[in-house]
Amino acid sequence: MKVLIVGGGGREHAIAWKIKKDNPHTALYAAPGNGGIRQLAECIPIPANDIPALRAYARSNNIDLTVVGPEEPLVRGITDEFGDLPVFGPPAGGAMLEGSKTFAKQFMKKYDIPTASYEAFSNYREAADYVKHKAVPLVIKADGLAAGKGVRVCTSTDEALTALDEALLKNRFAEAGRTVVIEELLRGPEVSVLAFTDGRTILPMAPSQDYKRAYNGDRGLNTGGMGAFSPSAYYTEEIRGFTEARIIYPTLEALKKEGIDYRGVLYFGLMLTPDGPKVIEYNCRFGDPETQTVLMRLENNLLDIMLACVNGDLGGINLKWRREAAVCVVLASGGYPGAYEKGAVITGLDSLSEDDHLAVFHAGDIIKDGELVTDGGRVLGITAMAGDIAAAAGMAYEAAELIDFNGVWYRTDIGR
C-alpha cells in the first residue's frame, strides 16, 4: 500500500512509527514531515494546509490512504475536497466540533451531553459586562483554532477583562478570536479519551492524561502539550461506563442525526468533576502528545483500524492494549510557548537505543546543511513504556538527559 501522512509534528511521527512497525513493507509518504519522519517515510515538500496540492499528489501517485494528522486541514475540508480518494479524517462538518467552540457547545447543549455552562460573545462591551457580573474563576476560550493557546483560566475579573481585550480588541488570535466562549471553571482530574469511528461504530481507546500548562505544578501559559501518560488511574470502570453511556455513544448518535458521516478519530477532553465527567473540548483528530503514549500501547495493527474506519468495517475490530504504561516528555525550545529561536543543533540522539519501549518522536525539527536543528516550539517527545507510570517516566527522563540543544527545557513532573 501507499499511505500519505499529512502533517509534520510528533503526532504524525508516532502515526508513521506505528504504521511502519506493523507494516514494514508499506510505502509511507509525509507532507511535509520532519527530521524524524524522514527516517520512515519519503517527505514531500507540500504544506499540510495546501489541500489542492495534496489532492493532486495523492491522485497522481496512486495513494491508497491519506491520514490527516493536524486539525486545520480537516476544518478546511480536506476530506470533502479529496472526493473519492480515501481519507482517514472527518468531513468539515464533523471537524467543526474542534473548529468552533461555539458550534461544539451548541451541539452538546442540543443533545444533552454534559459540559460546562457557557455564553459566547463577539462584542467586547457585552462580554465585559457579562464577566463583571459573574463569579470568578472563569475560562475564556477563543472560538477557533489557536494551536492550543487560546484558552485562559482567569482567577480575577481584571484578568478576564485583559483576556477579552487581547482576543476581541487586539486580535491576538486573529480570526480564531473574533468570538470567545466564556465558561464556568470545572474542577477535577482531566482525562483524554480518543476513539476510532467509522460513522456507525465507535471504539474508545485507552485513556490518557496530558499536561497543557508550561511549567511544573501546572503553572504558566497553556501550550500544545508538555507531556502525557497512559493509562489514567482516575478513569475507573465506573467513570468509563458513565462516559461511554452519556458522552461517547450519544456524541456519535448526535453526529448521525446531524447528517455527518464522521470517519476517523474523535477526541474527548474530559473533566472528572464531583458531578461526573463533563466534556471540556472535542478534537477532530489524534491528540498531541497523547497519541505518542496511546499508540505505543496499542497491540492492533493501526493501518487495519484506519482502513476499517474508512470502509465502514470498524464493527469487526476488537481493540487490544498492552498492560504496560507509557509516558511522553516533551523537550521544548527556549521561550516556548512565547517567541523562540529556531536553528539550534540537536545532539545526543545517537546515544539512545530506540526499540518498542523507547522512541523519540520528532515534532519541531528539520535537516539543514546535513544537521538536525530545531524548527518549532515543541521539538521532541521522548516516549517510554514500562511496567508502571513511575518506571516509564524514569526511562523517559533518563533519555531526555542525554539530548541537548541550545535553550532546551522540559517539565520535570510528567507522570510523577
Protein backbone atom coordinates (compact mmCIF):
# COMPACT_ATOMS: atom_id res chain seq x y z
CA MET A 1 0.00 0.00 0.00
CA LYS A 2 0.88 3.65 -0.39
CA VAL A 3 -0.01 5.80 2.63
CA LEU A 4 0.29 9.58 2.78
CA ILE A 5 0.51 11.17 6.23
CA VAL A 6 -0.41 14.86 6.28
CA GLY A 7 1.47 16.89 8.89
CA GLY A 8 4.90 17.21 10.41
CA GLY A 9 4.64 17.01 14.19
CA GLY A 10 5.15 14.49 16.96
CA ARG A 11 1.69 13.04 16.45
CA GLU A 12 2.42 12.37 12.77
CA HIS A 13 5.77 10.81 13.63
CA ALA A 14 4.03 8.49 16.12
CA ILE A 15 1.47 7.51 13.48
CA ALA A 16 4.23 6.80 10.94
CA TRP A 17 6.21 4.83 13.55
CA LYS A 18 3.23 2.63 14.41
CA ILE A 19 2.19 2.02 10.79
CA LYS A 20 5.75 1.13 9.74
CA LYS A 21 6.26 -1.07 12.81
CA ASP A 22 3.13 -3.07 11.98
CA ASN A 23 3.56 -2.99 8.18
CA PRO A 24 7.28 -2.84 7.26
CA HIS A 25 6.59 -3.05 3.52
CA THR A 26 4.04 -0.24 3.36
CA ALA A 27 5.28 2.75 1.36
CA LEU A 28 4.97 5.83 3.56
CA TYR A 29 4.93 9.45 2.41
CA ALA A 30 4.65 12.53 4.63
CA ALA A 31 3.73 16.11 3.74
CA PRO A 32 5.73 17.93 4.88
CA GLY A 33 7.15 15.55 7.53
CA ASN A 34 10.13 16.44 9.73
CA GLY A 35 13.65 15.37 10.63
CA GLY A 36 12.48 12.18 12.33
CA ILE A 37 9.67 11.16 10.00
CA ARG A 38 12.13 11.17 7.07
CA GLN A 39 13.69 8.02 8.55
CA LEU A 40 10.40 6.18 7.98
CA ALA A 41 8.78 7.96 5.05
CA GLU A 42 9.58 9.96 1.95
CA CYS A 43 8.98 13.59 2.90
CA ILE A 44 7.14 15.68 0.33
CA PRO A 45 7.58 19.49 0.45
CA ILE A 46 3.86 20.26 0.48
CA PRO A 47 2.43 22.24 3.42
CA ALA A 48 -0.26 20.43 5.41
CA ASN A 49 -2.78 23.17 4.55
CA ASP A 50 -2.22 23.16 0.77
CA ILE A 51 -5.22 20.97 0.04
CA PRO A 52 -5.20 21.29 -3.79
CA ALA A 53 -1.52 20.29 -3.94
CA LEU A 54 -2.08 17.38 -1.56
CA ARG A 55 -5.05 16.16 -3.57
CA ALA A 56 -3.08 16.38 -6.81
CA TYR A 57 -0.17 14.48 -5.25
CA ALA A 58 -2.41 11.75 -3.85
CA ARG A 59 -4.16 11.27 -7.18
CA SER A 60 -1.08 11.34 -9.40
CA ASN A 61 0.86 8.97 -7.12
CA ASN A 62 -1.98 6.48 -6.59
CA ILE A 63 -2.05 6.96 -2.83
CA ASP A 64 -4.27 4.29 -1.25
CA LEU A 65 -4.95 6.11 2.02
CA THR A 66 -4.35 9.66 3.25
CA VAL A 67 -4.09 10.04 7.03
CA VAL A 68 -4.63 13.62 8.21
CA GLY A 69 -2.84 14.49 11.44
CA PRO A 70 -3.48 18.22 12.16
CA GLU A 71 -6.85 19.83 12.73
CA GLU A 72 -6.57 22.77 10.34
CA PRO A 73 -6.75 20.87 7.03
CA LEU A 74 -9.67 18.86 8.41
CA VAL A 75 -11.54 22.02 9.42
CA ARG A 76 -10.79 23.46 5.98
CA GLY A 77 -12.39 20.45 4.33
CA ILE A 78 -9.57 18.23 3.07
CA THR A 79 -11.74 15.11 3.34
CA ASP A 80 -14.51 16.73 1.30
CA GLU A 81 -12.05 18.11 -1.26
CA PHE A 82 -10.39 14.71 -1.82
CA GLY A 83 -13.71 13.37 -3.12
CA ASP A 84 -13.37 9.66 -3.95
CA LEU A 85 -9.80 9.46 -2.61
CA PRO A 86 -9.81 7.56 0.74
CA VAL A 87 -9.07 9.83 3.72
CA PHE A 88 -8.80 8.93 7.39
CA GLY A 89 -10.40 12.00 8.92
CA PRO A 90 -13.86 13.55 9.26
CA PRO A 91 -15.53 15.91 6.79
CA ALA A 92 -15.56 19.64 7.51
CA GLY A 93 -18.97 19.39 9.18
CA GLY A 94 -17.61 16.96 11.76
CA ALA A 95 -14.34 18.82 12.17
CA MET A 96 -16.34 21.87 13.28
CA LEU A 97 -16.57 20.19 16.69
CA GLU A 98 -12.99 21.40 17.07
CA GLY A 99 -13.01 24.24 14.59
CA SER A 100 -15.61 26.25 16.51
CA LYS A 101 -16.05 26.03 20.26
CA THR A 102 -19.38 27.82 19.90
CA PHE A 103 -20.55 25.13 17.48
CA ALA A 104 -19.37 22.41 19.87
CA LYS A 105 -21.12 23.96 22.88
CA GLN A 106 -24.37 24.39 20.94
CA PHE A 107 -24.06 20.78 19.74
CA MET A 108 -23.62 19.50 23.31
CA LYS A 109 -26.48 21.63 24.62
CA LYS A 110 -28.80 20.41 21.86
CA TYR A 111 -28.08 16.75 22.56
CA ASP A 112 -27.78 16.98 26.36
CA ILE A 113 -24.12 15.98 26.51
CA PRO A 114 -22.59 17.04 29.88
CA THR A 115 -20.40 20.14 29.63
CA ALA A 116 -19.74 23.44 31.41
CA SER A 117 -22.32 26.25 31.27
CA TYR A 118 -21.29 28.98 28.82
CA GLU A 119 -22.06 32.10 26.82
CA ALA A 120 -20.49 33.23 23.54
CA PHE A 121 -19.66 36.83 22.58
CA SER A 122 -18.26 38.72 19.61
CA ASN A 123 -18.67 42.17 21.15
CA TYR A 124 -16.14 43.29 23.77
CA ARG A 125 -18.51 45.52 25.72
CA GLU A 126 -21.17 42.82 26.01
CA ALA A 127 -18.57 40.24 27.06
CA ALA A 128 -17.03 42.64 29.61
CA ASP A 129 -20.42 43.39 31.14
CA TYR A 130 -21.05 39.66 31.41
CA VAL A 131 -17.79 38.84 33.25
CA LYS A 132 -18.26 41.79 35.62
CA HIS A 133 -21.41 40.13 36.90
CA LYS A 134 -20.06 36.58 37.05
CA ALA A 135 -18.14 34.92 39.85
CA VAL A 136 -14.54 34.06 39.10
CA PRO A 137 -12.66 31.96 38.21
CA LEU A 138 -13.86 31.80 34.61
CA VAL A 139 -12.46 30.19 31.48
CA ILE A 140 -12.20 32.29 28.32
CA LYS A 141 -11.63 30.47 25.03
CA ALA A 142 -11.00 31.71 21.52
CA ASP A 143 -13.74 30.20 19.37
CA GLY A 144 -11.49 28.97 16.56
CA LEU A 145 -8.20 27.13 16.17
CA ALA A 146 -5.39 28.68 18.22
CA ALA A 147 -2.78 25.89 18.40
CA GLY A 148 -3.77 25.01 21.95
CA LYS A 149 -3.01 28.52 23.22
CA GLY A 150 -6.47 30.09 23.00
CA VAL A 151 -7.66 29.04 26.46
CA ARG A 152 -7.15 31.16 29.56
CA VAL A 153 -8.22 30.41 33.12
CA CYS A 154 -9.00 33.76 34.72
CA THR A 155 -8.89 33.96 38.52
CA SER A 156 -9.94 37.62 38.74
CA THR A 157 -12.27 39.96 36.87
CA ASP A 158 -9.30 42.10 35.78
CA GLU A 159 -7.61 39.05 34.30
CA ALA A 160 -10.80 38.15 32.46
CA LEU A 161 -11.10 41.67 31.04
CA THR A 162 -7.49 41.50 29.88
CA ALA A 163 -8.17 38.20 28.12
CA LEU A 164 -11.21 39.70 26.40
CA ASP A 165 -9.21 42.76 25.38
CA GLU A 166 -6.48 40.61 23.83
CA ALA A 167 -8.94 38.47 21.88
CA LEU A 168 -11.69 40.89 20.85
CA LEU A 169 -9.87 44.23 20.59
CA LYS A 170 -6.20 43.43 19.97
CA ASN A 171 -6.92 40.41 17.74
CA ARG A 172 -4.27 38.25 19.42
CA PHE A 173 -5.78 35.12 17.87
CA ALA A 174 -6.78 36.78 14.57
CA GLU A 175 -9.91 35.21 13.05
CA ALA A 176 -9.93 32.45 15.69
CA GLY A 177 -10.58 35.02 18.42
CA ARG A 178 -13.31 37.11 16.77
CA THR A 179 -15.73 35.21 19.01
CA VAL A 180 -14.99 34.00 22.53
CA VAL A 181 -16.68 31.42 24.71
CA ILE A 182 -16.87 32.19 28.42
CA GLU A 183 -17.36 29.11 30.59
CA GLU A 184 -17.66 28.18 34.21
CA LEU A 185 -14.46 26.62 35.54
CA LEU A 186 -14.81 22.88 36.00
CA ARG A 187 -12.73 21.22 38.70
CA GLY A 188 -11.32 17.71 38.91
CA PRO A 189 -8.81 15.45 37.17
CA GLU A 190 -8.59 15.93 33.41
CA VAL A 191 -8.58 12.85 31.18
CA SER A 192 -8.35 12.42 27.41
CA VAL A 193 -10.25 9.63 25.68
CA LEU A 194 -9.68 9.20 21.95
CA ALA A 195 -11.98 6.99 19.91
CA PHE A 196 -11.94 5.43 16.45
CA THR A 197 -15.19 5.64 14.50
CA ASP A 198 -16.47 4.68 11.06
CA GLY A 199 -19.64 6.74 11.48
CA ARG A 200 -21.64 3.75 12.72
CA THR A 201 -19.40 2.12 15.34
CA ILE A 202 -17.22 3.94 17.86
CA LEU A 203 -14.33 2.26 19.74
CA PRO A 204 -12.82 4.22 22.66
CA MET A 205 -9.06 3.92 23.08
CA ALA A 206 -7.10 3.59 26.32
CA PRO A 207 -7.40 6.72 28.48
CA SER A 208 -4.54 9.17 28.81
CA GLN A 209 -3.70 12.43 30.55
CA ASP A 210 -1.76 15.36 29.16
CA TYR A 211 -0.11 18.43 30.65
CA LYS A 212 -1.23 21.64 28.97
CA ARG A 213 0.42 24.22 31.25
CA ALA A 214 4.02 25.17 30.52
CA TYR A 215 5.64 24.64 33.91
CA ASN A 216 5.80 22.19 36.79
CA GLY A 217 2.76 22.08 39.03
CA ASP A 218 0.50 23.15 36.14
CA ARG A 219 1.68 26.74 36.21
CA GLY A 220 2.23 29.13 33.32
CA LEU A 221 0.53 29.60 29.98
CA ASN A 222 -1.27 26.91 28.04
CA THR A 223 0.80 25.08 25.44
CA GLY A 224 0.14 22.47 22.80
CA GLY A 225 1.03 19.91 25.48
CA MET A 226 4.21 19.35 27.52
CA GLY A 227 3.79 15.64 28.15
CA ALA A 228 1.33 12.81 28.67
CA PHE A 229 0.87 9.37 30.16
CA SER A 230 -1.42 6.38 29.66
CA PRO A 231 -3.38 4.79 31.26
CA SER A 232 -5.11 7.03 33.80
CA ALA A 233 -5.93 5.66 37.24
CA TYR A 234 -8.69 8.27 37.52
CA TYR A 235 -10.59 6.65 34.65
CA THR A 236 -12.20 3.86 36.66
CA GLU A 237 -14.63 1.30 35.31
CA GLU A 238 -17.49 3.31 36.81
CA ILE A 239 -16.32 6.51 35.14
CA ARG A 240 -15.73 4.67 31.87
CA GLY A 241 -19.27 3.30 31.92
CA PHE A 242 -20.77 6.73 32.58
CA THR A 243 -18.60 8.40 29.93
CA GLU A 244 -19.46 5.90 27.23
CA ALA A 245 -23.20 5.90 28.05
CA ARG A 246 -23.65 9.67 28.49
CA ILE A 247 -20.93 11.20 26.30
CA ILE A 248 -19.20 8.97 23.75
CA TYR A 249 -22.10 6.97 22.30
CA PRO A 250 -24.52 9.94 22.41
CA THR A 251 -21.99 12.05 20.51
CA LEU A 252 -21.88 9.53 17.68
CA GLU A 253 -25.68 9.31 17.61
CA ALA A 254 -25.90 13.10 17.55
CA LEU A 255 -23.49 13.25 14.60
CA LYS A 256 -25.71 10.78 12.75
CA LYS A 257 -28.77 12.92 13.45
CA GLU A 258 -26.91 15.94 12.10
CA GLY A 259 -26.20 14.00 8.90
CA ILE A 260 -22.44 13.97 9.50
CA ASP A 261 -20.61 10.85 8.30
CA TYR A 262 -17.68 11.01 10.73
CA ARG A 263 -14.82 8.61 9.94
CA GLY A 264 -11.57 8.98 11.80
CA VAL A 265 -10.63 9.85 15.38
CA LEU A 266 -12.88 11.74 17.78
CA TYR A 267 -11.12 13.11 20.86
CA PHE A 268 -12.97 13.72 24.11
CA GLY A 269 -11.27 16.08 26.56
CA LEU A 270 -12.96 15.32 29.88
CA MET A 271 -13.03 16.87 33.34
CA LEU A 272 -13.95 14.36 36.03
CA THR A 273 -15.99 16.69 38.22
CA PRO A 274 -17.74 15.80 41.50
CA ASP A 275 -20.94 15.76 39.42
CA GLY A 276 -19.48 13.28 36.94
CA PRO A 277 -17.44 13.54 33.71
CA LYS A 278 -18.07 16.60 31.55
CA VAL A 279 -16.69 17.49 28.11
CA ILE A 280 -14.14 20.31 28.10
CA GLU A 281 -13.50 20.04 24.38
CA TYR A 282 -13.76 17.87 21.30
CA ASN A 283 -10.87 17.40 18.89
CA CYS A 284 -11.38 16.04 15.39
CA ARG A 285 -8.08 14.10 15.26
CA PHE A 286 -5.45 12.34 17.36
CA GLY A 287 -4.28 14.41 20.33
CA ASP A 288 -0.69 15.51 20.69
CA PRO A 289 1.15 14.31 22.83
CA GLU A 290 -1.48 11.77 23.99
CA THR A 291 -1.11 9.88 20.71
CA GLN A 292 2.53 9.12 21.42
CA THR A 293 1.62 7.21 24.59
CA VAL A 294 -1.59 5.60 23.36
CA LEU A 295 -0.16 4.24 20.10
CA MET A 296 2.85 2.80 21.92
CA ARG A 297 0.39 0.72 23.98
CA LEU A 298 -1.85 -0.32 21.05
CA GLU A 299 -1.40 -4.00 20.12
CA ASN A 300 -3.59 -3.92 16.98
CA ASN A 301 -2.37 -3.06 13.52
CA LEU A 302 -3.13 0.67 13.25
CA LEU A 303 -3.41 0.64 9.47
CA ASP A 304 -6.06 -2.10 9.64
CA ILE A 305 -8.09 0.05 12.05
CA MET A 306 -7.79 3.13 9.84
CA LEU A 307 -8.90 1.20 6.76
CA ALA A 308 -11.83 -0.23 8.72
CA CYS A 309 -12.87 3.30 9.69
CA VAL A 310 -12.73 4.50 6.10
CA ASN A 311 -14.52 1.42 4.72
CA GLY A 312 -17.21 1.27 7.41
CA ASP A 313 -15.97 -2.05 8.84
CA LEU A 314 -14.95 -1.00 12.34
CA GLY A 315 -17.52 -3.29 13.96
CA GLY A 316 -15.21 -6.25 13.28
CA ILE A 317 -12.29 -4.76 15.27
CA ASN A 318 -11.53 -5.60 18.91
CA LEU A 319 -9.01 -3.15 20.35
CA LYS A 320 -6.23 -4.66 22.45
CA TRP A 321 -3.84 -2.79 24.75
CA ARG A 322 -0.52 -3.61 26.36
CA ARG A 323 -0.64 -3.82 30.14
CA GLU A 324 2.41 -1.57 30.49
CA ALA A 325 2.17 2.20 30.97
CA ALA A 326 3.63 4.82 28.64
CA VAL A 327 4.93 8.33 29.37
CA CYS A 328 5.86 11.11 26.93
CA VAL A 329 8.08 14.05 27.95
CA VAL A 330 8.22 17.00 25.54
CA LEU A 331 11.51 18.83 25.03
CA ALA A 332 10.82 22.45 24.05
CA SER A 333 12.71 25.42 22.64
CA GLY A 334 13.71 28.23 24.98
CA GLY A 335 10.94 30.83 25.18
CA TYR A 336 8.12 28.49 24.20
CA PRO A 337 5.09 28.97 24.34
CA GLY A 338 6.14 32.55 23.59
CA ALA A 339 8.68 33.63 20.97
CA TYR A 340 11.51 31.16 20.44
CA GLU A 341 14.55 30.80 18.21
CA LYS A 342 14.98 28.18 15.50
CA GLY A 343 18.07 26.51 14.10
CA ALA A 344 19.70 25.12 17.27
CA VAL A 345 21.68 21.94 16.56
CA ILE A 346 20.25 18.87 18.33
CA THR A 347 22.79 16.45 19.81
CA GLY A 348 22.68 13.23 21.82
CA LEU A 349 20.17 11.21 19.81
CA ASP A 350 22.88 8.80 18.67
CA SER A 351 23.43 7.75 22.28
CA LEU A 352 19.88 6.37 22.59
CA SER A 353 18.86 2.81 21.78
CA GLU A 354 15.30 3.07 20.48
CA ASP A 355 13.04 -0.01 20.47
CA ASP A 356 9.41 -0.98 21.14
CA HIS A 357 9.72 0.51 24.65
CA LEU A 358 11.57 3.75 23.90
CA ALA A 359 11.04 6.13 20.99
CA VAL A 360 11.93 9.72 20.23
CA PHE A 361 9.09 11.31 18.29
CA HIS A 362 10.26 14.39 16.40
CA ALA A 363 7.87 17.34 16.49
CA GLY A 364 9.66 20.55 15.54
CA ASP A 365 12.91 19.90 13.72
CA ILE A 366 14.36 19.76 10.21
CA ILE A 367 17.54 18.69 8.48
CA LYS A 368 19.56 21.78 7.49
CA ASP A 369 23.02 21.62 5.95
CA GLY A 370 23.24 17.99 6.99
CA GLU A 371 22.42 18.66 10.65
CA LEU A 372 19.27 18.10 12.69
CA VAL A 373 18.15 21.51 14.01
CA THR A 374 15.16 22.88 15.90
CA ASP A 375 12.31 24.33 13.86
CA GLY A 376 9.43 24.61 16.32
CA GLY A 377 8.37 25.26 19.91
CA ARG A 378 7.86 21.64 20.85
CA VAL A 379 10.88 19.84 19.43
CA LEU A 380 10.97 16.21 20.63
CA GLY A 381 8.67 13.84 22.52
CA ILE A 382 10.64 11.24 24.48
CA THR A 383 8.23 8.33 24.95
CA ALA A 384 8.89 5.26 27.09
CA MET A 385 6.86 2.21 28.11
CA ALA A 386 7.42 0.18 31.28
CA GLY A 387 5.59 -1.78 33.97
CA ASP A 388 4.04 1.30 35.55
CA ILE A 389 3.91 5.06 35.06
CA ALA A 390 6.74 5.78 37.51
CA ALA A 391 9.08 3.38 35.73
CA ALA A 392 8.11 4.70 32.29
CA ALA A 393 8.68 8.28 33.46
CA GLY A 394 12.10 7.30 34.79
CA MET A 395 13.06 5.81 31.42
CA ALA A 396 11.83 8.88 29.54
CA TYR A 397 13.75 11.30 31.77
CA GLU A 398 16.95 9.24 31.59
CA ALA A 399 16.74 9.52 27.80
CA ALA A 400 15.87 13.23 27.92
CA GLU A 401 19.03 13.98 29.91
CA LEU A 402 21.14 12.67 27.02
CA ILE A 403 19.69 15.10 24.49
CA ASP A 404 20.79 18.70 24.17
CA PHE A 405 20.22 21.83 22.09
CA ASN A 406 20.55 25.50 22.89
CA GLY A 407 17.70 26.59 25.18
CA VAL A 408 16.25 23.11 25.71
CA TRP A 409 13.85 22.78 28.62
CA TYR A 410 11.10 20.47 29.80
CA ARG A 411 8.79 19.88 32.70
CA THR A 412 10.24 17.51 35.29
CA ASP A 413 6.93 16.34 36.79
CA ILE A 414 5.39 14.41 33.88
CA GLY A 415 3.98 11.14 35.19
CA ARG A 416 5.18 11.99 38.69
